[in-house]
Amino acid sequence: MLAPVLQVVLAVFLLIGGFIKVFRVPFQVEHWQHYHYPLWFMSVTGALEILGAIAMIAGLWNRHLAAGSAILFVFLMLGAIHAHLFRAEQPFAMAIPASICLILSVWVMIRNVA
């Protein structure tokens, strides 16, 4: 029973993050400038997060969608961790949310790729 709850939590977290990026909420734009990525890339990343979150929710009924969105999230979270630690040179504490999402994504991927 815990698996669907964690899957929904992951999807909701990334859905919110995706909307924040797509709508270019000012604090996110400021963060993105620290990463030294162009703003169009923020919109693309946000759109991928939204699409992945929708697929993750649909993955409650179709494990292939859950696995596919989890794989997408693994790549996005690795990129987020890289951006925090190496591009913006922030302390590890700033990468903790992305690290937790990475762990959950790997777990969902392993659980659904069989």
N, C-alpha and C. Protein backbone atom coordinates (compact mmCIF):
# COMPACT_ATOMS: atom_id res chain seq x y z
N MET A 1 0.82 -1.20 0.00
CA MET A 1 0.00 0.00 0.00
C MET A 1 0.86 1.27 0.00
N LEU A 2 2.09 1.15 0.47
CA LEU A 2 3.00 2.29 0.52
C LEU A 2 3.45 2.70 -0.88
N ALA A 3 3.59 1.74 -1.77
CA ALA A 3 4.11 2.01 -3.12
C ALA A 3 3.28 3.06 -3.87
N PRO A 4 1.97 2.91 -3.95
CA PRO A 4 1.20 3.93 -4.68
C PRO A 4 1.28 5.31 -4.03
N VAL A 5 1.35 5.34 -2.72
CA VAL A 5 1.44 6.63 -2.02
C VAL A 5 2.74 7.33 -2.38
N LEU A 6 3.85 6.61 -2.35
CA LEU A 6 5.14 7.21 -2.69
C LEU A 6 5.18 7.65 -4.15
N GLN A 7 4.55 6.88 -5.00
CA GLN A 7 4.49 7.21 -6.42
C GLN A 7 3.71 8.52 -6.62
N VAL A 8 2.60 8.67 -5.91
CA VAL A 8 1.80 9.89 -6.01
C VAL A 8 2.56 11.08 -5.42
N VAL A 9 3.23 10.88 -4.29
CA VAL A 9 4.01 11.96 -3.68
C VAL A 9 5.09 12.44 -4.65
N LEU A 10 5.79 11.52 -5.28
CA LEU A 10 6.81 11.88 -6.27
C LEU A 10 6.20 12.66 -7.43
N ALA A 11 5.07 12.16 -7.92
CA ALA A 11 4.41 12.83 -9.06
C ALA A 11 3.96 14.23 -8.68
N VAL A 12 3.36 14.40 -7.52
CA VAL A 12 2.87 15.71 -7.11
C VAL A 12 4.03 16.69 -6.92
N PHE A 13 5.10 16.22 -6.31
CA PHE A 13 6.27 17.08 -6.10
C PHE A 13 6.82 17.59 -7.43
N LEU A 14 6.95 16.67 -8.40
CA LEU A 14 7.51 17.07 -9.70
C LEU A 14 6.49 17.85 -10.53
N LEU A 15 5.21 17.60 -10.34
CA LEU A 15 4.19 18.38 -11.03
C LEU A 15 4.25 19.84 -10.58
N ILE A 16 4.35 20.05 -9.28
CA ILE A 16 4.46 21.41 -8.75
C ILE A 16 5.74 22.08 -9.27
N GLY A 17 6.86 21.35 -9.20
CA GLY A 17 8.11 21.89 -9.72
C GLY A 17 8.04 22.22 -11.20
N GLY A 18 7.34 21.38 -11.95
CA GLY A 18 7.19 21.63 -13.38
C GLY A 18 6.40 22.90 -13.65
N PHE A 19 5.31 23.10 -12.93
CA PHE A 19 4.51 24.32 -13.11
C PHE A 19 5.29 25.56 -12.70
N ILE A 20 6.07 25.45 -11.64
CA ILE A 20 6.89 26.58 -11.20
C ILE A 20 7.88 26.98 -12.30
N LYS A 21 8.42 26.00 -12.99
CA LYS A 21 9.36 26.29 -14.07
C LYS A 21 8.65 26.82 -15.31
N VAL A 22 7.58 26.17 -15.72
CA VAL A 22 6.87 26.57 -16.94
C VAL A 22 6.31 27.99 -16.81
N PHE A 23 5.80 28.33 -15.64
CA PHE A 23 5.24 29.67 -15.44
C PHE A 23 6.27 30.68 -14.97
N ARG A 24 7.52 30.24 -14.94
CA ARG A 24 8.65 31.12 -14.62
C ARG A 24 8.43 31.96 -13.36
N VAL A 25 8.11 31.24 -12.29
CA VAL A 25 7.95 31.90 -11.00
C VAL A 25 9.29 32.57 -10.65
N PRO A 26 9.26 33.83 -10.20
CA PRO A 26 10.49 34.61 -10.03
C PRO A 26 11.61 33.93 -9.23
N PHE A 27 11.29 33.26 -8.13
CA PHE A 27 12.36 32.64 -7.36
C PHE A 27 13.03 31.52 -8.15
N GLN A 28 12.27 30.83 -9.01
CA GLN A 28 12.85 29.75 -9.82
C GLN A 28 13.73 30.33 -10.92
N VAL A 29 13.32 31.44 -11.49
CA VAL A 29 14.14 32.11 -12.52
C VAL A 29 15.47 32.53 -11.90
N GLU A 30 15.42 33.06 -10.68
CA GLU A 30 16.65 33.45 -9.99
C GLU A 30 17.56 32.25 -9.76
N HIS A 31 16.98 31.13 -9.31
CA HIS A 31 17.77 29.91 -9.11
C HIS A 31 18.38 29.46 -10.43
N TRP A 32 17.56 29.48 -11.47
CA TRP A 32 18.01 28.98 -12.77
C TRP A 32 19.19 29.80 -13.29
N GLN A 33 19.21 31.08 -13.00
CA GLN A 33 20.32 31.92 -13.43
C GLN A 33 21.61 31.53 -12.71
N HIS A 34 21.52 31.02 -11.50
CA HIS A 34 22.70 30.54 -10.78
C HIS A 34 23.27 29.28 -11.42
N TYR A 35 22.40 28.53 -12.10
CA TYR A 35 22.86 27.29 -12.75
C TYR A 35 23.52 27.57 -14.10
N HIS A 36 23.35 28.78 -14.61
CA HIS A 36 23.93 29.19 -15.89
C HIS A 36 23.36 28.39 -17.07
N TYR A 37 22.06 28.11 -16.99
CA TYR A 37 21.35 27.49 -18.11
C TYR A 37 20.44 28.55 -18.73
N PRO A 38 20.16 28.47 -20.02
CA PRO A 38 19.22 29.42 -20.63
C PRO A 38 17.80 29.20 -20.11
N LEU A 39 17.00 30.26 -20.11
CA LEU A 39 15.64 30.16 -19.57
C LEU A 39 14.75 29.24 -20.39
N TRP A 40 15.01 29.10 -21.70
CA TRP A 40 14.19 28.18 -22.49
C TRP A 40 14.36 26.75 -21.97
N PHE A 41 15.54 26.44 -21.45
CA PHE A 41 15.80 25.10 -20.92
C PHE A 41 14.99 24.86 -19.65
N MET A 42 14.72 25.91 -18.89
CA MET A 42 13.87 25.79 -17.71
C MET A 42 12.46 25.40 -18.14
N SER A 43 11.96 26.02 -19.20
CA SER A 43 10.62 25.69 -19.69
C SER A 43 10.54 24.25 -20.19
N VAL A 44 11.57 23.82 -20.90
CA VAL A 44 11.61 22.43 -21.40
C VAL A 44 11.65 21.46 -20.21
N THR A 45 12.49 21.75 -19.24
CA THR A 45 12.59 20.89 -18.06
C THR A 45 11.26 20.84 -17.32
N GLY A 46 10.62 21.99 -17.16
CA GLY A 46 9.31 22.02 -16.50
C GLY A 46 8.27 21.21 -17.24
N ALA A 47 8.26 21.33 -18.57
CA ALA A 47 7.30 20.57 -19.37
C ALA A 47 7.55 19.06 -19.23
N LEU A 48 8.82 18.66 -19.22
CA LEU A 48 9.14 17.24 -19.02
C LEU A 48 8.70 16.76 -17.64
N GLU A 49 8.87 17.60 -16.63
CA GLU A 49 8.43 17.24 -15.28
C GLU A 49 6.90 17.07 -15.24
N ILE A 50 6.18 17.96 -15.89
CA ILE A 50 4.72 17.86 -15.91
C ILE A 50 4.27 16.60 -16.64
N LEU A 51 4.84 16.35 -17.81
CA LEU A 51 4.48 15.15 -18.57
C LEU A 51 4.84 13.88 -17.79
N GLY A 52 6.01 13.89 -17.17
CA GLY A 52 6.43 12.74 -16.37
C GLY A 52 5.52 12.51 -15.18
N ALA A 53 5.08 13.59 -14.55
CA ALA A 53 4.19 13.46 -13.39
C ALA A 53 2.84 12.87 -13.81
N ILE A 54 2.32 13.32 -14.94
CA ILE A 54 1.06 12.76 -15.45
C ILE A 54 1.23 11.27 -15.74
N ALA A 55 2.35 10.92 -16.38
CA ALA A 55 2.61 9.51 -16.68
C ALA A 55 2.80 8.70 -15.40
N MET A 56 3.41 9.31 -14.37
CA MET A 56 3.61 8.61 -13.10
C MET A 56 2.26 8.30 -12.45
N ILE A 57 1.33 9.25 -12.51
CA ILE A 57 -0.01 9.01 -11.96
C ILE A 57 -0.71 7.92 -12.77
N ALA A 58 -0.64 8.01 -14.10
CA ALA A 58 -1.23 6.97 -14.95
C ALA A 58 -0.55 5.63 -14.70
N GLY A 59 0.69 5.70 -14.25
CA GLY A 59 1.44 4.48 -13.94
C GLY A 59 0.87 3.69 -12.77
N LEU A 60 -0.04 4.29 -12.03
CA LEU A 60 -0.73 3.52 -10.99
C LEU A 60 -1.53 2.39 -11.60
N TRP A 61 -1.94 2.54 -12.88
CA TRP A 61 -2.71 1.53 -13.58
C TRP A 61 -1.92 0.84 -14.68
N ASN A 62 -0.77 1.41 -15.05
CA ASN A 62 0.04 0.85 -16.13
C ASN A 62 1.51 0.95 -15.73
N ARG A 63 2.09 -0.18 -15.36
CA ARG A 63 3.46 -0.16 -14.83
C ARG A 63 4.49 0.32 -15.83
N HIS A 64 4.19 0.20 -17.13
CA HIS A 64 5.13 0.66 -18.14
C HIS A 64 5.24 2.19 -18.13
N LEU A 65 4.12 2.86 -17.90
CA LEU A 65 4.14 4.31 -17.77
C LEU A 65 4.90 4.73 -16.51
N ALA A 66 4.69 3.99 -15.43
CA ALA A 66 5.41 4.29 -14.19
C ALA A 66 6.91 4.12 -14.40
N ALA A 67 7.30 3.05 -15.04
CA ALA A 67 8.73 2.80 -15.29
C ALA A 67 9.32 3.86 -16.21
N GLY A 68 8.62 4.20 -17.27
CA GLY A 68 9.11 5.20 -18.21
C GLY A 68 9.26 6.57 -17.56
N SER A 69 8.28 6.97 -16.78
CA SER A 69 8.39 8.27 -16.12
C SER A 69 9.47 8.25 -15.06
N ALA A 70 9.64 7.12 -14.40
CA ALA A 70 10.71 7.01 -13.40
C ALA A 70 12.08 7.15 -14.06
N ILE A 71 12.25 6.55 -15.22
CA ILE A 71 13.52 6.68 -15.95
C ILE A 71 13.76 8.15 -16.33
N LEU A 72 12.71 8.81 -16.82
CA LEU A 72 12.82 10.23 -17.13
C LEU A 72 13.23 11.02 -15.89
N PHE A 73 12.58 10.75 -14.75
CA PHE A 73 12.89 11.46 -13.52
C PHE A 73 14.31 11.19 -13.03
N VAL A 74 14.81 9.99 -13.25
CA VAL A 74 16.20 9.70 -12.87
C VAL A 74 17.13 10.66 -13.60
N PHE A 75 16.94 10.80 -14.90
CA PHE A 75 17.80 11.72 -15.66
C PHE A 75 17.61 13.17 -15.22
N LEU A 76 16.36 13.58 -15.01
CA LEU A 76 16.11 14.96 -14.58
C LEU A 76 16.72 15.23 -13.21
N MET A 77 16.62 14.28 -12.29
CA MET A 77 17.15 14.49 -10.94
C MET A 77 18.68 14.45 -10.93
N LEU A 78 19.27 13.62 -11.77
CA LEU A 78 20.73 13.65 -11.88
C LEU A 78 21.18 15.02 -12.40
N GLY A 79 20.43 15.56 -13.36
CA GLY A 79 20.73 16.90 -13.86
C GLY A 79 20.55 17.96 -12.79
N ALA A 80 19.50 17.83 -11.99
CA ALA A 80 19.25 18.79 -10.91
C ALA A 80 20.37 18.75 -9.88
N ILE A 81 20.78 17.56 -9.51
CA ILE A 81 21.87 17.43 -8.53
C ILE A 81 23.15 18.04 -9.08
N HIS A 82 23.43 17.75 -10.34
CA HIS A 82 24.61 18.33 -10.99
C HIS A 82 24.53 19.86 -10.99
N ALA A 83 23.37 20.39 -11.32
CA ALA A 83 23.20 21.85 -11.37
C ALA A 83 23.45 22.48 -9.99
N HIS A 84 22.90 21.87 -8.96
CA HIS A 84 23.09 22.42 -7.61
C HIS A 84 24.55 22.36 -7.16
N LEU A 85 25.15 21.18 -7.32
CA LEU A 85 26.48 20.97 -6.74
C LEU A 85 27.62 21.53 -7.59
N PHE A 86 27.50 21.42 -8.90
CA PHE A 86 28.64 21.77 -9.75
C PHE A 86 28.46 23.07 -10.53
N ARG A 87 27.28 23.32 -11.03
CA ARG A 87 27.08 24.55 -11.80
C ARG A 87 26.89 25.76 -10.89
N ALA A 88 26.08 25.59 -9.83
CA ALA A 88 25.85 26.70 -8.90
C ALA A 88 26.76 26.62 -7.67
N GLU A 89 27.46 25.51 -7.53
CA GLU A 89 28.38 25.29 -6.40
C GLU A 89 27.70 25.53 -5.06
N GLN A 90 26.50 25.01 -4.92
CA GLN A 90 25.75 25.13 -3.68
C GLN A 90 26.10 23.98 -2.74
N PRO A 91 25.82 24.13 -1.46
CA PRO A 91 26.06 23.03 -0.52
C PRO A 91 25.12 21.86 -0.81
N PHE A 92 25.49 20.67 -0.36
CA PHE A 92 24.70 19.47 -0.62
C PHE A 92 23.26 19.61 -0.13
N ALA A 93 23.05 20.38 0.93
CA ALA A 93 21.70 20.55 1.47
C ALA A 93 20.73 21.04 0.40
N MET A 94 21.20 21.83 -0.54
CA MET A 94 20.33 22.33 -1.62
C MET A 94 19.93 21.22 -2.59
N ALA A 95 20.70 20.15 -2.63
CA ALA A 95 20.41 19.04 -3.54
C ALA A 95 19.63 17.91 -2.87
N ILE A 96 19.29 18.07 -1.60
CA ILE A 96 18.58 17.00 -0.88
C ILE A 96 17.22 16.69 -1.51
N PRO A 97 16.38 17.68 -1.83
CA PRO A 97 15.09 17.32 -2.45
C PRO A 97 15.27 16.54 -3.76
N ALA A 98 16.19 16.96 -4.60
CA ALA A 98 16.44 16.24 -5.86
C ALA A 98 16.99 14.84 -5.58
N SER A 99 17.80 14.71 -4.53
CA SER A 99 18.35 13.40 -4.17
C SER A 99 17.26 12.45 -3.70
N ILE A 100 16.32 12.98 -2.92
CA ILE A 100 15.20 12.15 -2.46
C ILE A 100 14.35 11.73 -3.65
N CYS A 101 14.09 12.66 -4.56
CA CYS A 101 13.33 12.32 -5.77
C CYS A 101 14.07 11.29 -6.62
N LEU A 102 15.39 11.40 -6.67
CA LEU A 102 16.19 10.43 -7.41
C LEU A 102 16.03 9.04 -6.80
N ILE A 103 16.12 8.94 -5.49
CA ILE A 103 15.98 7.65 -4.80
C ILE A 103 14.59 7.07 -5.05
N LEU A 104 13.55 7.90 -4.91
CA LEU A 104 12.19 7.42 -5.16
C LEU A 104 12.02 6.99 -6.62
N SER A 105 12.61 7.74 -7.53
CA SER A 105 12.50 7.40 -8.95
C SER A 105 13.17 6.07 -9.26
N VAL A 106 14.35 5.85 -8.70
CA VAL A 106 15.04 4.57 -8.89
C VAL A 106 14.19 3.44 -8.32
N TRP A 107 13.61 3.67 -7.15
CA TRP A 107 12.76 2.65 -6.52
C TRP A 107 11.55 2.33 -7.40
N VAL A 108 10.87 3.37 -7.91
CA VAL A 108 9.71 3.14 -8.79
C VAL A 108 10.15 2.42 -10.06
N MET A 109 11.28 2.80 -10.61
CA MET A 109 11.79 2.16 -11.82
C MET A 109 12.05 0.68 -11.58
N ILE A 110 12.77 0.36 -10.53
CA ILE A 110 13.08 -1.05 -10.22
C ILE A 110 11.82 -1.85 -9.97
N ARG A 111 10.89 -1.25 -9.26
CA ARG A 111 9.64 -1.92 -8.90
C ARG A 111 8.78 -2.23 -10.12
N ASN A 112 8.89 -1.42 -11.18
CA ASN A 112 8.02 -1.57 -12.32
C ASN A 112 8.68 -2.13 -13.58
N VAL A 113 9.98 -2.31 -13.57
CA VAL A 113 10.68 -2.89 -14.71
C VAL A 113 10.96 -4.36 -14.40
N ALA A 114 10.02 -5.17 -14.70
CA ALA A 114 10.21 -6.61 -14.45
C ALA A 114 9.39 -7.43 -15.39
